PDB file of all heavy atoms in Angstrom:
ATOM      1  N   LEU A   1       7.637   5.115   0.574  1.00  0.00           N
ATOM      2  CA  LEU A   1       7.337   3.677   0.570  1.00  0.00           C
ATOM      3  C   LEU A   1       5.875   3.480   0.425  1.00  0.00           C
ATOM      4  O   LEU A   1       5.495   2.545  -0.333  1.00  0.00           O
ATOM      5  CB  LEU A   1       7.814   2.974   1.788  1.00  0.00           C
ATOM      6  CG  LEU A   1       9.373   2.706   1.900  1.00  0.00           C
ATOM      7  CD1 LEU A   1       9.732   2.040   3.199  1.00  0.00           C
ATOM      8  CD2 LEU A   1       9.794   1.862   0.757  1.00  0.00           C
ATOM      9  N   GLY A   2       5.048   4.311   1.018  1.00  0.00           N
ATOM     10  CA  GLY A   2       3.601   4.206   0.846  1.00  0.00           C
ATOM     11  C   GLY A   2       3.225   4.432  -0.547  1.00  0.00           C
ATOM     12  O   GLY A   2       2.426   3.576  -1.065  1.00  0.00           O
ATOM     13  N   ILE A   3       3.633   5.413  -1.180  1.00  0.00           N
ATOM     14  CA  ILE A   3       3.356   5.682  -2.659  1.00  0.00           C
ATOM     15  C   ILE A   3       3.830   4.452  -3.530  1.00  0.00           C
ATOM     16  O   ILE A   3       3.110   4.023  -4.360  1.00  0.00           O
ATOM     17  CB  ILE A   3       3.947   7.004  -3.073  1.00  0.00           C
ATOM     18  CG1 ILE A   3       3.250   8.186  -2.358  1.00  0.00           C
ATOM     19  CG2 ILE A   3       3.844   7.150  -4.636  1.00  0.00           C
ATOM     20  CD1 ILE A   3       3.941   9.532  -2.573  1.00  0.00           C
ATOM     21  N   TRP A   4       5.042   4.067  -3.237  1.00  0.00           N
ATOM     22  CA  TRP A   4       5.593   2.959  -4.017  1.00  0.00           C
ATOM     23  C   TRP A   4       4.806   1.707  -3.812  1.00  0.00           C
ATOM     24  O   TRP A   4       4.504   1.003  -4.838  1.00  0.00           O
ATOM     25  CB  TRP A   4       7.060   2.784  -3.598  1.00  0.00           C
ATOM     26  CG  TRP A   4       7.788   1.626  -4.359  1.00  0.00           C
ATOM     27  CD1 TRP A   4       8.182   1.704  -5.603  1.00  0.00           C
ATOM     28  CD2 TRP A   4       7.987   0.270  -3.869  1.00  0.00           C
ATOM     29  NE1 TRP A   4       8.794   0.464  -5.922  1.00  0.00           N
ATOM     30  CE2 TRP A   4       8.605  -0.394  -4.857  1.00  0.00           C
ATOM     31  CE3 TRP A   4       7.697  -0.350  -2.627  1.00  0.00           C
ATOM     32  CZ2 TRP A   4       8.943  -1.705  -4.773  1.00  0.00           C
ATOM     33  CZ3 TRP A   4       8.098  -1.693  -2.552  1.00  0.00           C
ATOM     34  CH2 TRP A   4       8.744  -2.320  -3.593  1.00  0.00           C
ATOM     35  N   LEU A   5       4.361   1.408  -2.667  1.00  0.00           N
ATOM     36  CA  LEU A   5       3.565   0.190  -2.437  1.00  0.00           C
ATOM     37  C   LEU A   5       2.139   0.311  -3.093  1.00  0.00           C
ATOM     38  O   LEU A   5       1.669  -0.758  -3.622  1.00  0.00           O
ATOM     39  CB  LEU A   5       3.394  -0.094  -0.932  1.00  0.00           C
ATOM     40  CG  LEU A   5       4.629  -0.757  -0.322  1.00  0.00           C
ATOM     41  CD1 LEU A   5       4.406  -0.760   1.250  1.00  0.00           C
ATOM     42  CD2 LEU A   5       4.822  -2.193  -0.771  1.00  0.00           C
ATOM     43  N   VAL A   6       1.586   1.428  -3.117  1.00  0.00           N
ATOM     44  CA  VAL A   6       0.305   1.611  -3.822  1.00  0.00           C
ATOM     45  C   VAL A   6       0.468   1.393  -5.341  1.00  0.00           C
ATOM     46  O   VAL A   6      -0.321   0.760  -5.947  1.00  0.00           O
ATOM     47  CB  VAL A   6      -0.301   2.954  -3.536  1.00  0.00           C
ATOM     48  CG1 VAL A   6      -1.489   3.268  -4.380  1.00  0.00           C
ATOM     49  CG2 VAL A   6      -0.738   2.995  -1.980  1.00  0.00           C
ATOM     50  N   VAL A   7       1.573   1.953  -5.899  1.00  0.00           N
ATOM     51  CA  VAL A   7       1.849   1.749  -7.269  1.00  0.00           C
ATOM     52  C   VAL A   7       2.120   0.254  -7.605  1.00  0.00           C
ATOM     53  O   VAL A   7       1.565  -0.292  -8.597  1.00  0.00           O
ATOM     54  CB  VAL A   7       3.036   2.626  -7.731  1.00  0.00           C
ATOM     55  CG1 VAL A   7       3.480   2.249  -9.119  1.00  0.00           C
ATOM     56  CG2 VAL A   7       2.663   4.086  -7.612  1.00  0.00           C
ATOM     57  N   VAL A   8       2.835  -0.369  -6.764  1.00  0.00           N
ATOM     58  CA  VAL A   8       3.115  -1.861  -6.921  1.00  0.00           C
ATOM     59  C   VAL A   8       1.824  -2.651  -6.851  1.00  0.00           C
ATOM     60  O   VAL A   8       1.552  -3.542  -7.598  1.00  0.00           O
ATOM     61  CB  VAL A   8       4.148  -2.314  -5.884  1.00  0.00           C
ATOM     62  CG1 VAL A   8       4.126  -3.909  -5.843  1.00  0.00           C
ATOM     63  CG2 VAL A   8       5.544  -1.835  -6.184  1.00  0.00           C
ATOM     64  N   GLY A   9       0.996  -2.274  -5.926  1.00  0.00           N
ATOM     65  CA  GLY A   9      -0.321  -2.888  -5.807  1.00  0.00           C
ATOM     66  C   GLY A   9      -1.258  -2.710  -7.018  1.00  0.00           C
ATOM     67  O   GLY A   9      -1.848  -3.688  -7.433  1.00  0.00           O
ATOM     68  N   ILE A  10      -1.188  -1.477  -7.616  1.00  0.00           N
ATOM     69  CA  ILE A  10      -2.025  -1.298  -8.806  1.00  0.00           C
ATOM     70  C   ILE A  10      -1.472  -2.100  -9.919  1.00  0.00           C
ATOM     71  O   ILE A  10      -2.191  -2.741 -10.743  1.00  0.00           O
ATOM     72  CB  ILE A  10      -2.023   0.163  -9.117  1.00  0.00           C
ATOM     73  CG1 ILE A  10      -2.811   0.989  -8.035  1.00  0.00           C
ATOM     74  CG2 ILE A  10      -2.605   0.438 -10.527  1.00  0.00           C
ATOM     75  CD1 ILE A  10      -2.730   2.461  -8.239  1.00  0.00           C
ATOM     76  N   ALA A  11      -0.099  -2.195 -10.086  1.00  0.00           N
ATOM     77  CA  ALA A  11       0.517  -3.010 -11.138  1.00  0.00           C
ATOM     78  C   ALA A  11       0.131  -4.465 -10.890  1.00  0.00           C
ATOM     79  O   ALA A  11      -0.171  -5.212 -11.851  1.00  0.00           O
ATOM     80  CB  ALA A  11       1.983  -2.838 -11.060  1.00  0.00           C
ATOM     81  N   ALA A  12       0.194  -4.937  -9.683  1.00  0.00           N
ATOM     82  CA  ALA A  12      -0.208  -6.384  -9.362  1.00  0.00           C
ATOM     83  C   ALA A  12      -1.657  -6.602  -9.670  1.00  0.00           C
ATOM     84  O   ALA A  12      -2.016  -7.680 -10.179  1.00  0.00           O
ATOM     85  CB  ALA A  12       0.126  -6.714  -7.945  1.00  0.00           C
ATOM     86  N   LEU A  13      -2.508  -5.612  -9.429  1.00  0.00           N
ATOM     87  CA  LEU A  13      -3.962  -5.793  -9.772  1.00  0.00           C
ATOM     88  C   LEU A  13      -4.172  -5.846 -11.284  1.00  0.00           C
ATOM     89  O   LEU A  13      -4.963  -6.723 -11.781  1.00  0.00           O
ATOM     90  CB  LEU A  13      -4.691  -4.591  -9.220  1.00  0.00           C
ATOM     91  CG  LEU A  13      -6.198  -4.629  -9.168  1.00  0.00           C
ATOM     92  CD1 LEU A  13      -6.667  -5.878  -8.317  1.00  0.00           C
ATOM     93  CD2 LEU A  13      -6.784  -3.347  -8.601  1.00  0.00           C
ATOM     94  N   LEU A  14      -3.435  -5.063 -12.008  1.00  0.00           N
ATOM     95  CA  LEU A  14      -3.589  -5.110 -13.454  1.00  0.00           C
ATOM     96  C   LEU A  14      -2.967  -6.464 -14.027  1.00  0.00           C
ATOM     97  O   LEU A  14      -3.441  -6.839 -15.073  1.00  0.00           O
ATOM     98  CB  LEU A  14      -2.788  -3.971 -14.086  1.00  0.00           C
ATOM     99  CG  LEU A  14      -3.395  -2.527 -13.856  1.00  0.00           C
ATOM    100  CD1 LEU A  14      -2.457  -1.458 -14.404  1.00  0.00           C
ATOM    101  CD2 LEU A  14      -4.732  -2.410 -14.402  1.00  0.00           C
ATOM    102  N   ASP A  15      -2.088  -7.075 -13.286  1.00  0.00           N
ATOM    103  CA  ASP A  15      -1.527  -8.341 -13.694  1.00  0.00           C
ATOM    104  C   ASP A  15      -2.345  -9.557 -13.090  1.00  0.00           C
ATOM    105  O   ASP A  15      -1.917 -10.689 -13.226  1.00  0.00           O
ATOM    106  CB  ASP A  15      -0.052  -8.406 -13.142  1.00  0.00           C
ATOM    107  CG  ASP A  15       0.759  -9.511 -13.923  1.00  0.00           C
ATOM    108  OD1 ASP A  15       0.384  -9.792 -15.082  1.00  0.00           O
ATOM    109  OD2 ASP A  15       1.692 -10.013 -13.305  1.00  0.00           O
ATOM    110  N   ARG A  16      -3.483  -9.213 -12.398  1.00  0.00           N
ATOM    111  CA  ARG A  16      -4.428 -10.135 -11.908  1.00  0.00           C
ATOM    112  C   ARG A  16      -3.776 -10.974 -10.724  1.00  0.00           C
ATOM    113  O   ARG A  16      -4.144 -12.167 -10.582  1.00  0.00           O
ATOM    114  CB  ARG A  16      -5.011 -11.038 -13.002  1.00  0.00           C
ATOM    115  CG  ARG A  16      -5.809 -10.246 -13.985  1.00  0.00           C
ATOM    116  CD  ARG A  16      -6.424 -11.022 -15.065  1.00  0.00           C
ATOM    117  NE  ARG A  16      -6.945 -10.141 -16.039  1.00  0.00           N
ATOM    118  CZ  ARG A  16      -7.947 -10.409 -16.788  1.00  0.00           C
ATOM    119  NH1 ARG A  16      -8.432 -11.658 -16.781  1.00  0.00           N
ATOM    120  NH2 ARG A  16      -8.435  -9.475 -17.604  1.00  0.00           N
ATOM    121  N   GLN A  17      -2.988 -10.357 -10.006  1.00  0.00           N
ATOM    122  CA  GLN A  17      -2.380 -10.991  -8.769  1.00  0.00           C
ATOM    123  C   GLN A  17      -3.080 -10.316  -7.574  1.00  0.00           C
ATOM    124  O   GLN A  17      -2.464  -9.460  -6.999  1.00  0.00           O
ATOM    125  CB  GLN A  17      -0.821 -10.844  -8.808  1.00  0.00           C
ATOM    126  CG  GLN A  17      -0.146 -11.476  -9.914  1.00  0.00           C
ATOM    127  CD  GLN A  17       1.329 -11.250  -9.911  1.00  0.00           C
ATOM    128  OE1 GLN A  17       1.905 -10.601  -9.038  1.00  0.00           O
ATOM    129  NE2 GLN A  17       1.985 -11.825 -10.863  1.00  0.00           N
ATOM    130  N   ARG A  18      -4.263 -10.795  -7.296  1.00  0.00           N
ATOM    131  CA  ARG A  18      -5.106 -10.052  -6.349  1.00  0.00           C
ATOM    132  C   ARG A  18      -4.502 -10.117  -4.959  1.00  0.00           C
ATOM    133  O   ARG A  18      -4.673  -9.101  -4.194  1.00  0.00           O
ATOM    134  CB  ARG A  18      -6.566 -10.752  -6.410  1.00  0.00           C
ATOM    135  CG  ARG A  18      -7.186 -10.434  -7.674  1.00  0.00           C
ATOM    136  CD  ARG A  18      -8.659 -10.938  -7.636  1.00  0.00           C
ATOM    137  NE  ARG A  18      -9.252 -10.599  -8.945  1.00  0.00           N
ATOM    138  CZ  ARG A  18     -10.148 -11.409  -9.444  1.00  0.00           C
ATOM    139  NH1 ARG A  18     -10.532 -12.496  -8.932  1.00  0.00           N
ATOM    140  NH2 ARG A  18     -10.707 -10.901 -10.598  1.00  0.00           N
ATOM    141  N   ILE A  19      -3.948 -11.206  -4.485  1.00  0.00           N
ATOM    142  CA  ILE A  19      -3.469 -11.209  -3.100  1.00  0.00           C
ATOM    143  C   ILE A  19      -2.235 -10.258  -2.965  1.00  0.00           C
ATOM    144  O   ILE A  19      -2.227  -9.508  -1.991  1.00  0.00           O
ATOM    145  CB  ILE A  19      -3.078 -12.685  -2.769  1.00  0.00           C
ATOM    146  CG1 ILE A  19      -4.330 -13.557  -2.693  1.00  0.00           C
ATOM    147  CG2 ILE A  19      -2.333 -12.760  -1.390  1.00  0.00           C
ATOM    148  CD1 ILE A  19      -4.062 -15.018  -2.497  1.00  0.00           C
ATOM    149  N   LYS A  20      -1.360 -10.248  -3.929  1.00  0.00           N
ATOM    150  CA  LYS A  20      -0.202  -9.295  -3.891  1.00  0.00           C
ATOM    151  C   LYS A  20      -0.757  -7.849  -3.924  1.00  0.00           C
ATOM    152  O   LYS A  20      -0.220  -7.010  -3.221  1.00  0.00           O
ATOM    153  CB  LYS A  20       0.749  -9.616  -5.010  1.00  0.00           C
ATOM    154  CG  LYS A  20       1.562 -10.811  -4.847  1.00  0.00           C
ATOM    155  CD  LYS A  20       2.545 -11.022  -6.034  1.00  0.00           C
ATOM    156  CE  LYS A  20       3.303 -12.287  -5.907  1.00  0.00           C
ATOM    157  NZ  LYS A  20       4.196 -12.513  -7.015  1.00  0.00           N
ATOM    158  N   ALA A  21      -1.701  -7.648  -4.801  1.00  0.00           N
ATOM    159  CA  ALA A  21      -2.240  -6.323  -4.946  1.00  0.00           C
ATOM    160  C   ALA A  21      -2.853  -5.824  -3.637  1.00  0.00           C
ATOM    161  O   ALA A  21      -2.565  -4.700  -3.132  1.00  0.00           O
ATOM    162  CB  ALA A  21      -3.230  -6.273  -6.072  1.00  0.00           C
ATOM    163  N   PHE A  22      -3.706  -6.672  -3.065  1.00  0.00           N
ATOM    164  CA  PHE A  22      -4.370  -6.323  -1.779  1.00  0.00           C
ATOM    165  C   PHE A  22      -3.376  -5.988  -0.690  1.00  0.00           C
ATOM    166  O   PHE A  22      -3.425  -5.016   0.033  1.00  0.00           O
ATOM    167  CB  PHE A  22      -5.335  -7.421  -1.358  1.00  0.00           C
ATOM    168  CG  PHE A  22      -6.033  -7.159  -0.066  1.00  0.00           C
ATOM    169  CD1 PHE A  22      -7.064  -6.277  -0.015  1.00  0.00           C
ATOM    170  CD2 PHE A  22      -5.591  -7.788   1.083  1.00  0.00           C
ATOM    171  CE1 PHE A  22      -7.711  -6.010   1.172  1.00  0.00           C
ATOM    172  CE2 PHE A  22      -6.219  -7.552   2.283  1.00  0.00           C
ATOM    173  CZ  PHE A  22      -7.265  -6.607   2.322  1.00  0.00           C
ATOM    174  N   THR A  23      -2.377  -6.915  -0.541  1.00  0.00           N
ATOM    175  CA  THR A  23      -1.396  -6.749   0.519  1.00  0.00           C
ATOM    176  C   THR A  23      -0.602  -5.449   0.312  1.00  0.00           C
ATOM    177  O   THR A  23      -0.378  -4.697   1.241  1.00  0.00           O
ATOM    178  CB  THR A  23      -0.416  -7.959   0.471  1.00  0.00           C
ATOM    179  OG1 THR A  23      -1.131  -9.200   0.648  1.00  0.00           O
ATOM    180  CG2 THR A  23       0.606  -7.852   1.634  1.00  0.00           C
ATOM    181  N   ALA A  24      -0.125  -5.168  -0.853  1.00  0.00           N
ATOM    182  CA  ALA A  24       0.726  -4.026  -1.185  1.00  0.00           C
ATOM    183  C   ALA A  24      -0.079  -2.738  -1.008  1.00  0.00           C
ATOM    184  O   ALA A  24       0.395  -1.742  -0.405  1.00  0.00           O
ATOM    185  CB  ALA A  24       1.253  -4.061  -2.580  1.00  0.00           C
ATOM    186  N   ILE A  25      -1.372  -2.715  -1.431  1.00  0.00           N
ATOM    187  CA  ILE A  25      -2.220  -1.563  -1.366  1.00  0.00           C
ATOM    188  C   ILE A  25      -2.519  -1.243   0.109  1.00  0.00           C
ATOM    189  O   ILE A  25      -2.461  -0.123   0.560  1.00  0.00           O
ATOM    190  CB  ILE A  25      -3.512  -1.612  -2.217  1.00  0.00           C
ATOM    191  CG1 ILE A  25      -3.045  -1.487  -3.669  1.00  0.00           C
ATOM    192  CG2 ILE A  25      -4.468  -0.602  -1.831  1.00  0.00           C
ATOM    193  CD1 ILE A  25      -4.172  -1.774  -4.627  1.00  0.00           C
ATOM    194  N   VAL A  26      -2.842  -2.265   0.908  1.00  0.00           N
ATOM    195  CA  VAL A  26      -3.171  -2.051   2.388  1.00  0.00           C
ATOM    196  C   VAL A  26      -1.966  -1.591   3.087  1.00  0.00           C
ATOM    197  O   VAL A  26      -2.052  -0.609   3.875  1.00  0.00           O
ATOM    198  CB  VAL A  26      -3.742  -3.365   2.972  1.00  0.00           C
ATOM    199  CG1 VAL A  26      -3.749  -3.230   4.448  1.00  0.00           C
ATOM    200  CG2 VAL A  26      -5.159  -3.689   2.395  1.00  0.00           C
ATOM    201  N   ALA A  27      -0.803  -2.117   2.847  1.00  0.00           N
ATOM    202  CA  ALA A  27       0.432  -1.705   3.462  1.00  0.00           C
ATOM    203  C   ALA A  27       0.795  -0.229   3.080  1.00  0.00           C
ATOM    204  O   ALA A  27       1.133   0.581   3.874  1.00  0.00           O
ATOM    205  CB  ALA A  27       1.593  -2.603   3.098  1.00  0.00           C
ATOM    206  N   GLY A  28       0.583   0.051   1.807  1.00  0.00           N
ATOM    207  CA  GLY A  28       0.828   1.426   1.357  1.00  0.00           C
ATOM    208  C   GLY A  28      -0.022   2.432   1.962  1.00  0.00           C
ATOM    209  O   GLY A  28       0.367   3.480   2.334  1.00  0.00           O
ATOM    210  N   ILE A  29      -1.377   2.120   2.000  1.00  0.00           N
ATOM    211  CA  ILE A  29      -2.300   2.968   2.608  1.00  0.00           C
ATOM    212  C   ILE A  29      -1.990   3.201   4.130  1.00  0.00           C
ATOM    213  O   ILE A  29      -2.101   4.309   4.672  1.00  0.00           O
ATOM    214  CB  ILE A  29      -3.707   2.538   2.433  1.00  0.00           C
ATOM    215  CG1 ILE A  29      -4.160   2.721   0.951  1.00  0.00           C
ATOM    216  CG2 ILE A  29      -4.733   3.231   3.345  1.00  0.00           C
ATOM    217  CD1 ILE A  29      -5.460   2.035   0.596  1.00  0.00           C
ATOM    218  N   GLY A  30      -1.560   2.131   4.822  1.00  0.00           N
ATOM    219  CA  GLY A  30      -1.150   2.236   6.173  1.00  0.00           C
ATOM    220  C   GLY A  30       0.010   3.185   6.357  1.00  0.00           C
ATOM    221  O   GLY A  30       0.003   4.053   7.283  1.00  0.00           O
ATOM    222  N   LEU A  31       0.996   3.091   5.558  1.00  0.00           N
ATOM    223  CA  LEU A  31       2.174   3.976   5.649  1.00  0.00           C
ATOM    224  C   LEU A  31       1.760   5.443   5.293  1.00  0.00           C
ATOM    225  O   LEU A  31       2.278   6.374   5.859  1.00  0.00           O
ATOM    226  CB  LEU A  31       3.326   3.492   4.756  1.00  0.00           C
ATOM    227  CG  LEU A  31       4.066   2.253   5.191  1.00  0.00           C
ATOM    228  CD1 LEU A  31       4.993   1.730   4.057  1.00  0.00           C
ATOM    229  CD2 LEU A  31       4.755   2.527   6.494  1.00  0.00           C
ATOM    230  N   LEU A  32       0.906   5.601   4.324  1.00  0.00           N
ATOM    231  CA  LEU A  32       0.498   6.994   3.937  1.00  0.00           C
ATOM    232  C   LEU A  32      -0.340   7.568   5.037  1.00  0.00           C
ATOM    233  O   LEU A  32      -0.316   8.779   5.254  1.00  0.00           O
ATOM    234  CB  LEU A  32      -0.277   6.923   2.622  1.00  0.00           C
ATOM    235  CG  LEU A  32       0.597   6.667   1.390  1.00  0.00           C
ATOM    236  CD1 LEU A  32      -0.248   6.519   0.130  1.00  0.00           C
ATOM    237  CD2 LEU A  32       1.628   7.759   1.217  1.00  0.00           C
ATOM    238  N   PHE A  33      -1.116   6.729   5.811  1.00  0.00           N
ATOM    239  CA  PHE A  33      -1.876   7.147   6.912  1.00  0.00           C
ATOM    240  C   PHE A  33      -0.901   7.657   7.970  1.00  0.00           C
ATOM    241  O   PHE A  33      -1.102   8.694   8.611  1.00  0.00           O
ATOM    242  CB  PHE A  33      -2.766   6.097   7.495  1.00  0.00           C
ATOM    243  CG  PHE A  33      -3.593   6.490   8.652  1.00  0.00           C
ATOM    244  CD1 PHE A  33      -4.676   7.248   8.506  1.00  0.00           C
ATOM    245  CD2 PHE A  33      -3.253   6.165   9.942  1.00  0.00           C
ATOM    246  CE1 PHE A  33      -5.482   7.687   9.634  1.00  0.00           C
ATOM    247  CE2 PHE A  33      -3.944   6.575  11.044  1.00  0.00           C
ATOM    248  CZ  PHE A  33      -5.047   7.333  10.886  1.00  0.00           C
ATOM    249  N   ASN A  34       0.133   6.870   8.246  1.00  0.00           N
ATOM    250  CA  ASN A  34       1.170   7.308   9.260  1.00  0.00           C
ATOM    251  C   ASN A  34       1.852   8.581   8.847  1.00  0.00           C
ATOM    252  O   ASN A  34       2.083   9.483   9.638  1.00  0.00           O
ATOM    253  CB  ASN A  34       2.265   6.250   9.420  1.00  0.00           C
ATOM    254  CG  ASN A  34       1.768   4.934  10.005  1.00  0.00           C
ATOM    255  OD1 ASN A  34       2.390   3.965   9.876  1.00  0.00           O
ATOM    256  ND2 ASN A  34       0.737   4.985  10.773  1.00  0.00           N
ATOM    257  N   TRP A  35       2.089   8.734   7.554  1.00  0.00           N
ATOM    258  CA  TRP A  35       2.752   9.983   7.052  1.00  0.00           C
ATOM    259  C   TRP A  35       1.827  11.143   7.259  1.00  0.00           C
ATOM    260  O   TRP A  35       2.243  12.206   7.685  1.00  0.00           O
ATOM    261  CB  TRP A  35       3.044   9.751   5.540  1.00  0.00           C
ATOM    262  CG  TRP A  35       3.457  11.003   4.872  1.00  0.00           C
ATOM    263  CD1 TRP A  35       4.700  11.562   4.908  1.00  0.00           C
ATOM    264  CD2 TRP A  35       2.705  11.895   4.013  1.00  0.00           C
ATOM    265  NE1 TRP A  35       4.680  12.742   4.148  1.00  0.00           N
ATOM    266  CE2 TRP A  35       3.440  12.874   3.606  1.00  0.00           C
ATOM    267  CE3 TRP A  35       1.377  11.851   3.614  1.00  0.00           C
ATOM    268  CZ2 TRP A  35       2.992  13.914   2.799  1.00  0.00           C
ATOM    269  CZ3 TRP A  35       0.816  12.818   2.874  1.00  0.00           C
ATOM    270  CH2 TRP A  35       1.709  13.888   2.444  1.00  0.00           C
ATOM    271  N   ALA A  36       0.533  10.986   6.933  1.00  0.00           N
ATOM    272  CA  ALA A  36      -0.396  12.123   6.991  1.00  0.00           C
ATOM    273  C   ALA A  36      -0.677  12.516   8.418  1.00  0.00           C
ATOM    274  O   ALA A  36      -0.748  13.737   8.691  1.00  0.00           O
ATOM    275  CB  ALA A  36      -1.718  11.811   6.316  1.00  0.00           C
ATOM    276  N   THR A  37      -0.890  11.572   9.360  1.00  0.00           N
ATOM    277  CA  THR A  37      -1.283  11.871  10.691  1.00  0.00           C
ATOM    278  C   THR A  37      -0.077  12.105  11.629  1.00  0.00           C
ATOM    279  O   THR A  37      -0.155  12.556  12.716  1.00  0.00           O
ATOM    280  CB  THR A  37      -2.114  10.743  11.301  1.00  0.00           C
ATOM    281  OG1 THR A  37      -1.399   9.555  11.299  1.00  0.00           O
ATOM    282  CG2 THR A  37      -3.453  10.650  10.452  1.00  0.00           C
ATOM    283  N   GLN A  38       1.093  11.720  11.190  1.00  0.00           N
ATOM    284  CA  GLN A  38       2.345  11.666  11.969  1.00  0.00           C
ATOM    285  C   GLN A  38       2.173  10.860  13.221  1.00  0.00           C
ATOM    286  O   GLN A  38       2.782  11.133  14.250  1.00  0.00           O
ATOM    287  CB  GLN A  38       2.789  13.148  12.311  1.00  0.00           C
ATOM    288  CG  GLN A  38       3.130  13.900  11.129  1.00  0.00           C
ATOM    289  CD  GLN A  38       3.605  15.343  11.473  1.00  0.00           C
ATOM    290  OE1 GLN A  38       3.774  15.685  12.657  1.00  0.00           O
ATOM    291  NE2 GLN A  38       3.821  16.157  10.464  1.00  0.00           N
ATOM    292  N   PHE A  39       1.403   9.819  13.193  1.00  0.00           N
ATOM    293  CA  PHE A  39       1.231   8.921  14.336  1.00  0.00           C
ATOM    294  C   PHE A  39       1.322   7.479  13.790  1.00  0.00           C
ATOM    295  O   PHE A  39       0.798   7.109  12.807  1.00  0.00           O
ATOM    296  CB  PHE A  39      -0.129   9.175  14.957  1.00  0.00           C
ATOM    297  CG  PHE A  39      -0.409   8.187  16.114  1.00  0.00           C
ATOM    298  CD1 PHE A  39       0.179   8.313  17.337  1.00  0.00           C
ATOM    299  CD2 PHE A  39      -1.235   7.085  15.925  1.00  0.00           C
ATOM    300  CE1 PHE A  39       0.018   7.498  18.339  1.00  0.00           C
ATOM    301  CE2 PHE A  39      -1.433   6.119  16.944  1.00  0.00           C
ATOM    302  CZ  PHE A  39      -0.852   6.369  18.255  1.00  0.00           C
ATOM    303  N   CYS A  40       2.018   6.637  14.621  1.00  0.00           N
ATOM    304  CA  CYS A  40       2.125   5.227  14.314  1.00  0.00           C
ATOM    305  C   CYS A  40       1.841   4.441  15.639  1.00  0.00           C
ATOM    306  O   CYS A  40       2.473   4.725  16.667  1.00  0.00           O
ATOM    307  CB  CYS A  40       3.565   4.913  13.835  1.00  0.00           C
ATOM    308  SG  CYS A  40       3.832   3.133  13.619  1.00  0.00           S
ATOM    309  N   GLY A  41       0.861   3.545  15.534  1.00  0.00           N
ATOM    310  CA  GLY A  41       0.502   2.740  16.724  1.00  0.00           C
ATOM    311  C   GLY A  41       1.658   1.878  17.193  1.00  0.00           C
ATOM    312  O   GLY A  41       1.872   1.724  18.443  1.00  0.00           O
ATOM    313  N   CYS A  42       2.453   1.333  16.308  1.00  0.00           N
ATOM    314  CA  CYS A  42       3.595   0.449  16.693  1.00  0.00           C
ATOM    315  C   CYS A  42       4.630   1.348  17.417  1.00  0.00           C
ATOM    316  O   CYS A  42       5.271   0.865  18.451  1.00  0.00           O
ATOM    317  CB  CYS A  42       4.159  -0.226  15.524  1.00  0.00           C
ATOM    318  SG  CYS A  42       3.133  -1.480  14.866  1.00  0.00           S
TER     319      CYS A  42
END
């Protein structure tokens, strides 16, 4: 899901939908951080 959200964010950025792009990229990076560290604060 992290990879998918980053890709969606990049596509939204190319489509000039900055709010959607920012939201998707931040969520994707958060999930990838959880994946890499194996830790989730929630």
